[in-house]
Structure formats: structure tokens, C-alpha cells
Amino acid sequence: GSPPRITIGSGSDVDVIDIASLAGSPELQRFVIAAVLSQLVAERTAPDATPSACYYVMLDELNQWAPKGSSDATTKLFEKVAAEMRSLRIILIGCQQFASQVSQKVVENAANRLTGRTGLSELAHELHSYLSATDKQMVSRLQPGEMVLSVPSFRVPAYIKLPFPAWAMRYEEVAHDGGSELTLKNTSLEDDEGPLFDFGSHSASVALE
């Protein structure tokens, strides 16, 4: 069939493309992702590209779409986006458990790195050389909601703690008060100290799940 079409400049804040229904066909999943990225690259490199347009593309399991050692067209497209398209306002946000399994060009071109609890065998890889031995020990013991953020403007990685959500994430977290409204149990953090970062944007986003 025809590749999915992204409505450029539609004013939508977030477009979510569900590729879970294609789980039985990884080739089709990669086709869809490559089609979306190609459209965004074509829009941003066109002579009549909207100057203020900015696109954030979020992908989970990035190692499946741009694996290390691969030279296929989709991986090369990811490397192009990571290396060249940030200046043209296409921002790639990738999530993966093992950064060492992702194309090195993609990882090395990441401006910001957010690391959750990671095993020492993964941290021993050269891609994590920006972390000191002390930082690696701390990363290996992080708890849920704790992360280490590395950005070019910071001299050293920063420890951050994500705020407790103000809404129930699971049914068992909901307190039933007998009325029509449901309230959240235990919305306070035991320790709410430490820097918190809030990244907000009014630009368009494309999320592929």
C-alpha cells in the first residue's frame, strides 16, 4: 500500500502513529518509520519550508530501527537525521535499554543524554565514557524515577529526580471515596529535594509506538 502521510503544518501538537499492530512484521514497521522520517526531511529541506516549524520525533527501542553495524537505507536515514537535521529543527528522541546496540553515529550525535539504571557491563562500553567511574556506580544503583542527565552546557552530569505523578498510573493507586470522583492516594514524595527539569514545547511532535 501507500506509505502514511503526515500532515505538515496542520497545527497539531502531537501525532501518534501506532505501529504495534505491525508487530508481526518488523520490515513493515521500519518501512513506516522510514516513510515518516523521509517526509519530515523532505519538508525541512524544501525551498519553501516553513522557517518556524520544528518536529520532535520520539521512538522507543531505537536499537531496532538503527542497529549498530547496519548499513541499510533506514539506518542511514536515522544517521542523517541525527547528524544533519537537528539544525533544520528535526529533533530525534530515542529510547533504548542498551545504547551500545544502536548505531554509533546516532548515539554520538545525541546532544543530550538521559540515563536511567543501567548495568555495569553496558556502562563499560566506550559510549558511556562521558561518565566517571563514580557516576557509573551511581547509575548502576538508580531507583525508579531517578536519572542522570548529561548536556553540553553542564560540566558534569546532573542527577535528577522525576516528580511523583499527580494522577493514578494504575487502578490500585486510586482511592475510592464513595462519590463520583476518584482521588489519588499518596501524592507526596518522601524526599522532594533535588533539581527537577521541565521541558516544554509548543512545537509539533511525532510519536511512533
N, C-alpha and C. Protein backbone atom coordinates (compact mmCIF):
# COMPACT_ATOMS: atom_id res chain seq x y z
N GLY A 1 0.82 -1.20 0.00
CA GLY A 1 0.00 0.00 0.00
C GLY A 1 0.85 1.24 0.00
N SER A 2 0.20 2.38 0.18
CA SER A 2 0.88 3.67 0.20
C SER A 2 1.44 3.94 1.58
N PRO A 3 2.57 4.64 1.67
CA PRO A 3 3.13 4.97 2.98
C PRO A 3 2.24 5.97 3.69
N PRO A 4 2.28 6.04 5.02
CA PRO A 4 1.46 7.02 5.76
C PRO A 4 1.90 8.43 5.43
N ARG A 5 0.93 9.32 5.42
CA ARG A 5 1.21 10.71 5.12
C ARG A 5 1.05 11.55 6.38
N ILE A 6 2.06 12.35 6.68
CA ILE A 6 2.00 13.26 7.81
C ILE A 6 1.53 14.61 7.30
N THR A 7 0.52 15.17 7.94
CA THR A 7 0.00 16.48 7.53
C THR A 7 0.93 17.56 8.07
N ILE A 8 1.77 18.08 7.20
CA ILE A 8 2.75 19.07 7.60
C ILE A 8 2.06 20.40 7.84
N GLY A 9 2.39 21.02 8.99
CA GLY A 9 1.82 22.34 9.28
C GLY A 9 0.36 22.30 9.62
N SER A 10 -0.14 21.18 10.13
CA SER A 10 -1.56 21.08 10.46
C SER A 10 -1.90 21.80 11.74
N GLY A 11 -0.88 22.18 12.53
CA GLY A 11 -1.13 22.84 13.80
C GLY A 11 -1.34 21.86 14.94
N SER A 12 -1.31 20.58 14.66
CA SER A 12 -1.48 19.57 15.70
C SER A 12 -0.26 19.55 16.60
N ASP A 13 -0.49 19.42 17.91
CA ASP A 13 0.63 19.37 18.85
C ASP A 13 1.35 18.03 18.77
N VAL A 14 0.58 16.94 18.73
CA VAL A 14 1.17 15.60 18.75
C VAL A 14 0.42 14.70 17.79
N ASP A 15 1.15 13.98 16.97
CA ASP A 15 0.60 12.93 16.12
C ASP A 15 1.21 11.62 16.59
N VAL A 16 0.37 10.66 16.94
CA VAL A 16 0.83 9.36 17.39
C VAL A 16 0.56 8.33 16.31
N ILE A 17 1.60 7.64 15.88
CA ILE A 17 1.49 6.60 14.86
C ILE A 17 1.70 5.26 15.53
N ASP A 18 0.66 4.46 15.58
CA ASP A 18 0.70 3.17 16.28
C ASP A 18 1.21 2.09 15.32
N ILE A 19 2.41 1.58 15.60
CA ILE A 19 2.97 0.51 14.77
C ILE A 19 2.91 -0.83 15.49
N ALA A 20 2.24 -0.86 16.65
CA ALA A 20 2.15 -2.11 17.40
C ALA A 20 1.38 -3.17 16.63
N SER A 21 0.41 -2.74 15.80
CA SER A 21 -0.37 -3.70 15.03
C SER A 21 0.47 -4.39 13.95
N LEU A 22 1.67 -3.85 13.70
CA LEU A 22 2.58 -4.45 12.72
C LEU A 22 3.69 -5.24 13.40
N ALA A 23 3.45 -5.61 14.67
CA ALA A 23 4.50 -6.28 15.45
C ALA A 23 4.98 -7.57 14.79
N GLY A 24 4.11 -8.21 14.01
CA GLY A 24 4.50 -9.45 13.36
C GLY A 24 5.35 -9.25 12.12
N SER A 25 5.56 -7.98 11.75
CA SER A 25 6.33 -7.68 10.54
C SER A 25 7.28 -6.52 10.81
N PRO A 26 8.46 -6.79 11.37
CA PRO A 26 9.42 -5.72 11.64
C PRO A 26 9.80 -4.93 10.38
N GLU A 27 9.77 -5.59 9.21
CA GLU A 27 10.10 -4.88 7.98
C GLU A 27 9.08 -3.78 7.68
N LEU A 28 7.80 -4.08 7.93
CA LEU A 28 6.77 -3.06 7.72
C LEU A 28 6.88 -1.94 8.75
N GLN A 29 7.22 -2.28 9.97
CA GLN A 29 7.41 -1.24 10.98
C GLN A 29 8.52 -0.28 10.57
N ARG A 30 9.62 -0.83 10.09
CA ARG A 30 10.75 0.03 9.66
C ARG A 30 10.36 0.84 8.43
N PHE A 31 9.52 0.25 7.56
CA PHE A 31 9.05 0.98 6.39
C PHE A 31 8.23 2.21 6.80
N VAL A 32 7.34 2.02 7.76
CA VAL A 32 6.50 3.13 8.22
C VAL A 32 7.36 4.22 8.83
N ILE A 33 8.30 3.83 9.70
CA ILE A 33 9.16 4.81 10.34
C ILE A 33 10.01 5.56 9.32
N ALA A 34 10.56 4.84 8.38
CA ALA A 34 11.39 5.49 7.35
C ALA A 34 10.55 6.43 6.50
N ALA A 35 9.29 6.05 6.20
CA ALA A 35 8.42 6.91 5.39
C ALA A 35 8.13 8.22 6.11
N VAL A 36 7.89 8.15 7.43
CA VAL A 36 7.61 9.36 8.21
C VAL A 36 8.84 10.25 8.25
N LEU A 37 10.01 9.68 8.56
CA LEU A 37 11.23 10.47 8.62
C LEU A 37 11.55 11.11 7.27
N SER A 38 11.34 10.36 6.19
CA SER A 38 11.62 10.89 4.85
C SER A 38 10.75 12.09 4.55
N GLN A 39 9.48 12.02 4.95
CA GLN A 39 8.57 13.15 4.71
C GLN A 39 9.03 14.40 5.48
N LEU A 40 9.45 14.20 6.73
CA LEU A 40 9.89 15.34 7.52
C LEU A 40 11.17 15.94 6.94
N VAL A 41 12.10 15.08 6.52
CA VAL A 41 13.34 15.57 5.91
C VAL A 41 13.03 16.34 4.63
N ALA A 42 12.13 15.80 3.82
CA ALA A 42 11.76 16.48 2.56
C ALA A 42 11.14 17.84 2.84
N GLU A 43 10.30 17.92 3.88
CA GLU A 43 9.64 19.19 4.20
C GLU A 43 10.64 20.22 4.69
N ARG A 44 11.59 19.79 5.54
CA ARG A 44 12.53 20.75 6.12
C ARG A 44 13.60 21.17 5.13
N THR A 45 13.87 20.38 4.11
CA THR A 45 14.91 20.73 3.13
C THR A 45 14.34 21.36 1.86
N ALA A 46 13.02 21.50 1.79
CA ALA A 46 12.39 22.09 0.60
C ALA A 46 12.63 23.60 0.57
N PRO A 47 12.67 24.18 -0.64
CA PRO A 47 12.89 25.64 -0.74
C PRO A 47 11.82 26.45 -0.02
N ASP A 48 10.60 25.93 0.05
CA ASP A 48 9.50 26.67 0.68
C ASP A 48 9.20 26.16 2.09
N ALA A 49 10.19 25.58 2.76
CA ALA A 49 9.98 25.05 4.11
C ALA A 49 9.57 26.16 5.06
N THR A 50 8.65 25.85 5.96
CA THR A 50 8.19 26.82 6.96
C THR A 50 9.33 27.09 7.94
N PRO A 51 9.81 28.34 8.02
CA PRO A 51 11.00 28.62 8.85
C PRO A 51 10.84 28.25 10.31
N SER A 52 9.66 28.45 10.87
CA SER A 52 9.46 28.25 12.31
C SER A 52 9.07 26.83 12.69
N ALA A 53 8.85 25.96 11.71
CA ALA A 53 8.39 24.60 12.02
C ALA A 53 9.49 23.81 12.71
N CYS A 54 9.10 23.05 13.72
CA CYS A 54 10.04 22.21 14.45
C CYS A 54 9.35 20.90 14.78
N TYR A 55 10.03 19.78 14.56
CA TYR A 55 9.43 18.47 14.75
C TYR A 55 10.26 17.65 15.72
N TYR A 56 9.59 17.10 16.71
CA TYR A 56 10.21 16.20 17.67
C TYR A 56 9.70 14.79 17.37
N VAL A 57 10.61 13.89 17.05
CA VAL A 57 10.26 12.51 16.72
C VAL A 57 10.75 11.61 17.87
N MET A 58 9.80 10.96 18.54
CA MET A 58 10.15 10.09 19.66
C MET A 58 9.94 8.63 19.28
N LEU A 59 10.96 7.83 19.51
CA LEU A 59 10.94 6.41 19.17
C LEU A 59 11.47 5.57 20.33
N ASP A 60 10.74 4.52 20.66
CA ASP A 60 11.22 3.56 21.65
C ASP A 60 11.99 2.45 20.95
N GLU A 61 12.83 1.75 21.69
CA GLU A 61 13.62 0.64 21.15
C GLU A 61 14.39 1.06 19.90
N LEU A 62 15.15 2.13 20.04
CA LEU A 62 15.86 2.68 18.89
C LEU A 62 16.83 1.69 18.27
N ASN A 63 17.30 0.73 19.07
CA ASN A 63 18.25 -0.25 18.53
C ASN A 63 17.61 -1.15 17.47
N GLN A 64 16.27 -1.21 17.43
CA GLN A 64 15.60 -1.99 16.40
C GLN A 64 15.57 -1.25 15.06
N TRP A 65 15.56 0.06 15.12
CA TRP A 65 15.39 0.86 13.90
C TRP A 65 16.72 1.35 13.34
N ALA A 66 17.71 1.54 14.20
CA ALA A 66 19.04 1.95 13.73
C ALA A 66 20.09 1.12 14.47
N PRO A 67 20.15 -0.18 14.18
CA PRO A 67 21.05 -1.06 14.93
C PRO A 67 22.52 -0.82 14.60
N LYS A 68 23.35 -1.11 15.56
CA LYS A 68 24.80 -0.97 15.37
C LYS A 68 25.28 -1.91 14.28
N GLY A 69 26.16 -1.41 13.42
CA GLY A 69 26.75 -2.22 12.38
C GLY A 69 25.92 -2.37 11.13
N SER A 70 24.70 -1.80 11.13
CA SER A 70 23.84 -1.91 9.95
C SER A 70 24.14 -0.79 8.97
N SER A 71 24.02 -1.11 7.68
CA SER A 71 24.25 -0.10 6.64
C SER A 71 23.07 0.00 5.68
N ASP A 72 21.88 -0.48 6.12
CA ASP A 72 20.71 -0.42 5.25
C ASP A 72 20.20 1.01 5.16
N ALA A 73 19.26 1.24 4.24
CA ALA A 73 18.78 2.60 3.96
C ALA A 73 18.12 3.25 5.17
N THR A 74 17.38 2.48 5.96
CA THR A 74 16.70 3.05 7.11
C THR A 74 17.69 3.52 8.16
N THR A 75 18.70 2.70 8.43
CA THR A 75 19.73 3.10 9.40
C THR A 75 20.46 4.35 8.92
N LYS A 76 20.79 4.40 7.64
CA LYS A 76 21.47 5.59 7.10
C LYS A 76 20.59 6.83 7.22
N LEU A 77 19.27 6.65 7.07
CA LEU A 77 18.35 7.78 7.23
C LEU A 77 18.38 8.29 8.67
N PHE A 78 18.37 7.38 9.63
CA PHE A 78 18.47 7.78 11.03
C PHE A 78 19.78 8.52 11.29
N GLU A 79 20.87 8.03 10.72
CA GLU A 79 22.16 8.68 10.92
C GLU A 79 22.16 10.07 10.31
N LYS A 80 21.50 10.24 9.18
CA LYS A 80 21.39 11.55 8.55
C LYS A 80 20.60 12.51 9.42
N VAL A 81 19.47 12.03 9.95
CA VAL A 81 18.64 12.87 10.81
C VAL A 81 19.41 13.28 12.06
N ALA A 82 20.09 12.32 12.69
CA ALA A 82 20.84 12.61 13.92
C ALA A 82 22.00 13.56 13.67
N ALA A 83 22.68 13.42 12.54
CA ALA A 83 23.89 14.19 12.28
C ALA A 83 23.62 15.55 11.64
N GLU A 84 22.57 15.65 10.80
CA GLU A 84 22.40 16.85 9.98
C GLU A 84 21.10 17.60 10.20
N MET A 85 20.07 16.94 10.70
CA MET A 85 18.75 17.57 10.67
C MET A 85 18.40 18.34 11.93
N ARG A 86 19.20 18.20 13.00
CA ARG A 86 18.88 18.97 14.20
C ARG A 86 18.94 20.47 13.93
N SER A 87 19.87 20.89 13.10
CA SER A 87 19.98 22.30 12.75
C SER A 87 18.80 22.77 11.91
N LEU A 88 18.11 21.81 11.28
CA LEU A 88 16.92 22.14 10.50
C LEU A 88 15.65 21.84 11.28
N ARG A 89 15.79 21.66 12.59
CA ARG A 89 14.65 21.58 13.51
C ARG A 89 13.88 20.27 13.42
N ILE A 90 14.59 19.18 13.14
CA ILE A 90 14.04 17.84 13.35
C ILE A 90 14.82 17.24 14.51
N ILE A 91 14.15 17.03 15.63
CA ILE A 91 14.80 16.57 16.84
C ILE A 91 14.41 15.12 17.08
N LEU A 92 15.39 14.25 17.09
CA LEU A 92 15.16 12.82 17.31
C LEU A 92 15.35 12.50 18.80
N ILE A 93 14.31 11.91 19.40
CA ILE A 93 14.36 11.49 20.80
C ILE A 93 14.25 9.97 20.80
N GLY A 94 15.32 9.30 21.11
CA GLY A 94 15.35 7.85 21.07
C GLY A 94 15.47 7.25 22.45
N CYS A 95 14.79 6.14 22.67
CA CYS A 95 14.85 5.42 23.95
C CYS A 95 15.29 3.98 23.68
N GLN A 96 16.15 3.47 24.52
CA GLN A 96 16.59 2.09 24.36
C GLN A 96 17.23 1.63 25.66
N GLN A 97 17.26 0.33 25.88
CA GLN A 97 17.87 -0.21 27.08
C GLN A 97 19.38 -0.29 26.95
N PHE A 98 19.87 -0.51 25.74
CA PHE A 98 21.31 -0.68 25.53
C PHE A 98 21.77 0.24 24.41
N ALA A 99 22.36 1.37 24.79
CA ALA A 99 22.83 2.32 23.79
C ALA A 99 23.94 1.72 22.93
N SER A 100 24.66 0.75 23.47
CA SER A 100 25.76 0.13 22.72
C SER A 100 25.26 -0.67 21.52
N GLN A 101 23.95 -0.96 21.46
CA GLN A 101 23.38 -1.71 20.35
C GLN A 101 22.80 -0.80 19.26
N VAL A 102 22.91 0.51 19.45
CA VAL A 102 22.41 1.49 18.48
C VAL A 102 23.57 1.97 17.62
N SER A 103 23.28 2.35 16.39
CA SER A 103 24.31 2.90 15.50
C SER A 103 25.15 3.94 16.23
N GLN A 104 26.45 3.80 16.17
CA GLN A 104 27.33 4.71 16.89
C GLN A 104 27.17 6.14 16.41
N LYS A 105 26.92 6.34 15.12
CA LYS A 105 26.73 7.69 14.59
C LYS A 105 25.51 8.36 15.21
N VAL A 106 24.47 7.58 15.44
CA VAL A 106 23.25 8.14 16.04
C VAL A 106 23.52 8.54 17.48
N VAL A 107 24.16 7.65 18.25
CA VAL A 107 24.41 7.92 19.66
C VAL A 107 25.39 9.08 19.83
N GLU A 108 26.46 9.09 19.05
CA GLU A 108 27.48 10.12 19.20
C GLU A 108 26.96 11.51 18.82
N ASN A 109 25.92 11.55 17.99
CA ASN A 109 25.36 12.85 17.60
C ASN A 109 24.25 13.32 18.55
N ALA A 110 24.00 12.57 19.61
CA ALA A 110 23.00 12.99 20.58
C ALA A 110 23.54 14.15 21.41
N ALA A 111 22.81 15.26 21.43
CA ALA A 111 23.27 16.42 22.20
C ALA A 111 23.04 16.21 23.69
N ASN A 112 21.92 15.58 24.05
CA ASN A 112 21.57 15.37 25.45
C ASN A 112 21.39 13.87 25.70
N ARG A 113 21.86 13.41 26.84
CA ARG A 113 21.74 12.00 27.19
C ARG A 113 21.12 11.87 28.58
N LEU A 114 20.06 11.10 28.65
CA LEU A 114 19.36 10.86 29.91
C LEU A 114 19.46 9.37 30.21
N THR A 115 20.09 9.03 31.31
CA THR A 115 20.39 7.64 31.61
C THR A 115 19.71 7.21 32.90
N GLY A 116 18.94 6.13 32.82
CA GLY A 116 18.36 5.52 34.00
C GLY A 116 19.25 4.39 34.49
N ARG A 117 18.72 3.57 35.39
CA ARG A 117 19.52 2.48 35.94
C ARG A 117 20.04 1.57 34.82
N THR A 118 21.33 1.36 34.81
CA THR A 118 21.99 0.60 33.75
C THR A 118 23.02 -0.34 34.36
N GLY A 119 23.13 -1.51 33.79
CA GLY A 119 24.08 -2.49 34.28
C GLY A 119 25.52 -2.08 34.02
N LEU A 120 26.43 -2.55 34.85
CA LEU A 120 27.84 -2.18 34.72
C LEU A 120 28.47 -2.71 33.44
N SER A 121 27.98 -3.84 32.93
CA SER A 121 28.52 -4.37 31.68
C SER A 121 28.22 -3.44 30.52
N GLU A 122 27.03 -2.85 30.51
CA GLU A 122 26.68 -1.86 29.47
C GLU A 122 27.46 -0.58 29.69
N LEU A 123 27.60 -0.16 30.94
CA LEU A 123 28.31 1.09 31.23
C LEU A 123 29.79 1.00 30.91
N ALA A 124 30.33 -0.22 30.80
CA ALA A 124 31.74 -0.38 30.46
C ALA A 124 32.02 -0.06 29.00
N HIS A 125 30.96 0.04 28.18
CA HIS A 125 31.16 0.35 26.76
C HIS A 125 31.67 1.77 26.59
N GLU A 126 32.47 1.99 25.55
CA GLU A 126 33.10 3.29 25.33
C GLU A 126 32.09 4.41 25.11
N LEU A 127 30.87 4.08 24.71
CA LEU A 127 29.85 5.12 24.51
C LEU A 127 29.50 5.83 25.81
N HIS A 128 29.78 5.19 26.93
CA HIS A 128 29.47 5.79 28.22
C HIS A 128 30.71 6.37 28.89
N SER A 129 31.73 6.65 28.10
CA SER A 129 32.98 7.16 28.67
C SER A 129 32.83 8.57 29.22
N TYR A 130 31.72 9.26 28.89
CA TYR A 130 31.49 10.60 29.43
C TYR A 130 31.15 10.53 30.93
N LEU A 131 30.84 9.34 31.44
CA LEU A 131 30.55 9.15 32.85
C LEU A 131 31.83 8.72 33.58
N SER A 132 32.08 9.31 34.73
CA SER A 132 33.22 8.89 35.54
C SER A 132 32.92 7.56 36.21
N ALA A 133 33.94 6.96 36.80
CA ALA A 133 33.74 5.69 37.50
C ALA A 133 32.73 5.85 38.62
N THR A 134 32.77 6.99 39.32
CA THR A 134 31.81 7.24 40.40
C THR A 134 30.41 7.39 39.84
N ASP A 135 30.28 8.10 38.72
CA ASP A 135 28.97 8.28 38.09
C ASP A 135 28.39 6.92 37.67
N LYS A 136 29.23 6.06 37.13
CA LYS A 136 28.76 4.75 36.67
C LYS A 136 28.26 3.91 37.84
N GLN A 137 28.95 3.99 38.96
CA GLN A 137 28.50 3.26 40.13
C GLN A 137 27.14 3.78 40.59
N MET A 138 26.96 5.10 40.54
CA MET A 138 25.69 5.68 40.95
C MET A 138 24.57 5.27 39.97
N VAL A 139 24.88 5.31 38.66
CA VAL A 139 23.88 4.95 37.66
C VAL A 139 23.44 3.51 37.82
N SER A 140 24.34 2.64 38.20
CA SER A 140 24.00 1.22 38.36
C SER A 140 23.08 0.97 39.55
N ARG A 141 22.94 1.99 40.43
CA ARG A 141 22.11 1.82 41.62
C ARG A 141 20.90 2.76 41.65
N LEU A 142 20.61 3.42 40.53
CA LEU A 142 19.48 4.36 40.49
C LEU A 142 18.17 3.62 40.73
N GLN A 143 17.26 4.31 41.38
CA GLN A 143 15.93 3.78 41.64
C GLN A 143 14.94 4.31 40.59
N PRO A 144 13.75 3.71 40.48
CA PRO A 144 12.74 4.22 39.54
C PRO A 144 12.48 5.71 39.78
N GLY A 145 12.46 6.47 38.69
CA GLY A 145 12.24 7.91 38.80
C GLY A 145 13.51 8.72 38.95
N GLU A 146 14.66 8.04 39.09
CA GLU A 146 15.94 8.72 39.21
C GLU A 146 16.73 8.56 37.92
N MET A 147 17.38 9.64 37.48
CA MET A 147 18.14 9.59 36.23
C MET A 147 19.35 10.51 36.31
N VAL A 148 20.26 10.33 35.37
CA VAL A 148 21.42 11.20 35.24
C VAL A 148 21.35 11.87 33.88
N LEU A 149 21.44 13.18 33.88
CA LEU A 149 21.31 13.98 32.67
C LEU A 149 22.65 14.58 32.28
N SER A 150 23.03 14.38 31.04
CA SER A 150 24.27 14.96 30.51
C SER A 150 23.94 15.87 29.34
N VAL A 151 24.28 17.15 29.45
CA VAL A 151 24.04 18.12 28.38
C VAL A 151 25.32 18.92 28.17
N PRO A 152 25.54 19.46 26.97
CA PRO A 152 26.80 20.16 26.68
C PRO A 152 27.09 21.33 27.61
N SER A 153 26.05 21.99 28.12
CA SER A 153 26.27 23.18 28.96
C SER A 153 26.60 22.85 30.40
N PHE A 154 26.51 21.56 30.78
CA PHE A 154 26.87 21.14 32.14
C PHE A 154 28.29 20.59 32.15
N ARG A 155 29.08 21.00 33.12
CA ARG A 155 30.44 20.49 33.23
C ARG A 155 30.46 19.03 33.64
N VAL A 156 29.49 18.64 34.45
CA VAL A 156 29.38 17.25 34.90
C VAL A 156 27.93 16.82 34.76
N PRO A 157 27.67 15.50 34.64
CA PRO A 157 26.29 15.04 34.58
C PRO A 157 25.51 15.43 35.83
N ALA A 158 24.21 15.68 35.65
CA ALA A 158 23.37 16.13 36.76
C ALA A 158 22.41 15.01 37.17
N TYR A 159 22.26 14.82 38.46
CA TYR A 159 21.31 13.86 38.99
C TYR A 159 19.94 14.53 39.05
N ILE A 160 18.93 13.88 38.51
CA ILE A 160 17.58 14.43 38.56
C ILE A 160 16.62 13.38 39.10
N LYS A 161 15.54 13.87 39.69
CA LYS A 161 14.51 13.00 40.24
C LYS A 161 13.18 13.44 39.67
N LEU A 162 12.52 12.54 38.97
CA LEU A 162 11.25 12.88 38.35
C LEU A 162 10.17 13.02 39.41
N PRO A 163 9.30 14.02 39.30
CA PRO A 163 8.26 14.21 40.31
C PRO A 163 7.24 13.09 40.29
N PHE A 164 6.68 12.81 41.45
CA PHE A 164 5.63 11.81 41.55
C PHE A 164 4.43 12.29 40.74
N PRO A 165 3.84 11.45 39.89
CA PRO A 165 2.72 11.91 39.06
C PRO A 165 1.53 12.33 39.89
N ALA A 166 0.82 13.33 39.45
CA ALA A 166 -0.34 13.86 40.16
C ALA A 166 -1.61 13.09 39.85
N TRP A 167 -1.49 12.02 39.09
CA TRP A 167 -2.65 11.21 38.74
C TRP A 167 -2.29 9.74 38.90
N ALA A 168 -3.31 8.92 39.02
CA ALA A 168 -3.08 7.48 39.19
C ALA A 168 -2.55 6.88 37.91
N MET A 169 -1.50 6.08 38.04
CA MET A 169 -0.93 5.39 36.90
C MET A 169 -1.47 3.96 36.78
N ARG A 170 -1.97 3.41 37.91
CA ARG A 170 -2.56 2.08 37.94
C ARG A 170 -3.85 2.13 38.75
N TYR A 171 -4.73 1.18 38.50
CA TYR A 171 -6.03 1.20 39.17
C TYR A 171 -5.89 1.09 40.67
N GLU A 172 -4.92 0.30 41.15
CA GLU A 172 -4.77 0.11 42.59
C GLU A 172 -4.28 1.36 43.30
N GLU A 173 -3.82 2.37 42.56
CA GLU A 173 -3.41 3.63 43.16
C GLU A 173 -4.57 4.58 43.39
N VAL A 174 -5.74 4.23 42.91
CA VAL A 174 -6.90 5.11 43.01
C VAL A 174 -7.61 4.89 44.33
N ALA A 175 -7.92 5.98 45.04
CA ALA A 175 -8.67 5.91 46.28
C ALA A 175 -10.14 6.17 45.98
N HIS A 176 -11.01 5.26 46.33
CA HIS A 176 -12.44 5.40 46.10
C HIS A 176 -13.07 6.02 47.34
N ASP A 177 -13.59 7.22 47.22
CA ASP A 177 -14.17 7.90 48.38
C ASP A 177 -15.67 7.73 48.47
N GLY A 178 -16.25 6.87 47.65
CA GLY A 178 -17.68 6.65 47.70
C GLY A 178 -18.49 7.57 46.83
N GLY A 179 -17.85 8.63 46.32
CA GLY A 179 -18.56 9.56 45.46
C GLY A 179 -18.29 9.26 44.01
N SER A 180 -18.56 10.25 43.19
CA SER A 180 -18.38 10.07 41.75
C SER A 180 -16.96 10.36 41.31
N GLU A 181 -16.15 10.98 42.21
CA GLU A 181 -14.80 11.35 41.85
C GLU A 181 -13.82 10.35 42.44
N LEU A 182 -12.72 10.16 41.75
CA LEU A 182 -11.65 9.29 42.21
C LEU A 182 -10.45 10.14 42.55
N THR A 183 -9.84 9.89 43.68
CA THR A 183 -8.68 10.67 44.09
C THR A 183 -7.47 9.75 44.19
N LEU A 184 -6.29 10.36 44.07
CA LEU A 184 -5.04 9.60 44.09
C LEU A 184 -4.53 9.45 45.52
N LYS A 185 -4.10 8.24 45.85
CA LYS A 185 -3.53 8.00 47.16
C LYS A 185 -2.05 8.38 47.17
N ASN A 186 -1.60 8.99 48.26
CA ASN A 186 -0.17 9.25 48.48
C ASN A 186 0.46 10.02 47.33
N THR A 187 0.11 11.28 47.20
CA THR A 187 0.65 12.08 46.11
C THR A 187 1.93 12.82 46.49
N SER A 188 2.40 12.65 47.72
CA SER A 188 3.60 13.36 48.14
C SER A 188 4.82 12.47 48.05
N LEU A 189 5.95 13.09 47.76
CA LEU A 189 7.23 12.37 47.73
C LEU A 189 7.84 12.37 49.12
N GLU A 190 8.48 11.28 49.48
CA GLU A 190 9.17 11.24 50.76
C GLU A 190 10.33 12.24 50.78
N ASP A 191 10.95 12.38 49.64
CA ASP A 191 12.07 13.31 49.53
C ASP A 191 11.92 14.05 48.21
N ASP A 192 11.49 15.32 48.29
CA ASP A 192 11.27 16.07 47.06
C ASP A 192 12.39 17.05 46.78
N GLU A 193 13.55 16.83 47.42
CA GLU A 193 14.67 17.72 47.17
C GLU A 193 15.40 17.32 45.90
N GLY A 194 16.19 18.24 45.39
CA GLY A 194 16.95 17.94 44.18
C GLY A 194 16.37 18.67 42.99
N PRO A 195 17.17 18.92 41.97
CA PRO A 195 16.71 19.68 40.80
C PRO A 195 15.71 18.90 39.98
N LEU A 196 14.69 19.58 39.53
CA LEU A 196 13.70 19.00 38.64
C LEU A 196 13.70 19.80 37.35
N PHE A 197 13.58 19.12 36.23
CA PHE A 197 13.63 19.76 34.93
C PHE A 197 12.31 19.59 34.24
N ASP A 198 11.77 20.65 33.68
CA ASP A 198 10.51 20.61 32.94
C ASP A 198 10.80 21.08 31.53
N PHE A 199 10.70 20.16 30.56
CA PHE A 199 10.97 20.51 29.17
C PHE A 199 9.64 20.73 28.47
N GLY A 200 9.30 21.97 28.14
CA GLY A 200 8.04 22.27 27.48
C GLY A 200 8.28 22.74 26.07
N SER A 201 7.31 22.52 25.18
CA SER A 201 7.44 22.95 23.79
C SER A 201 6.06 23.08 23.17
N HIS A 202 5.94 24.07 22.32
CA HIS A 202 4.69 24.25 21.58
C HIS A 202 4.84 23.77 20.14
N SER A 203 5.93 23.08 19.87
CA SER A 203 6.16 22.59 18.52
C SER A 203 5.47 21.26 18.31
N ALA A 204 5.40 20.88 17.05
CA ALA A 204 4.73 19.62 16.70
C ALA A 204 5.62 18.43 17.07
N SER A 205 4.99 17.34 17.42
CA SER A 205 5.70 16.12 17.75
C SER A 205 5.12 14.95 17.00
N VAL A 206 5.96 14.00 16.65
CA VAL A 206 5.52 12.75 16.02
C VAL A 206 6.01 11.62 16.90
N ALA A 207 5.10 10.86 17.46
CA ALA A 207 5.49 9.74 18.31
C ALA A 207 5.12 8.44 17.63
N LEU A 208 6.05 7.52 17.54
CA LEU A 208 5.81 6.23 16.93
C LEU A 208 5.92 5.18 18.01
N GLU A 209 4.86 4.43 18.21
CA GLU A 209 4.84 3.44 19.28
C GLU A 209 4.73 2.02 18.71
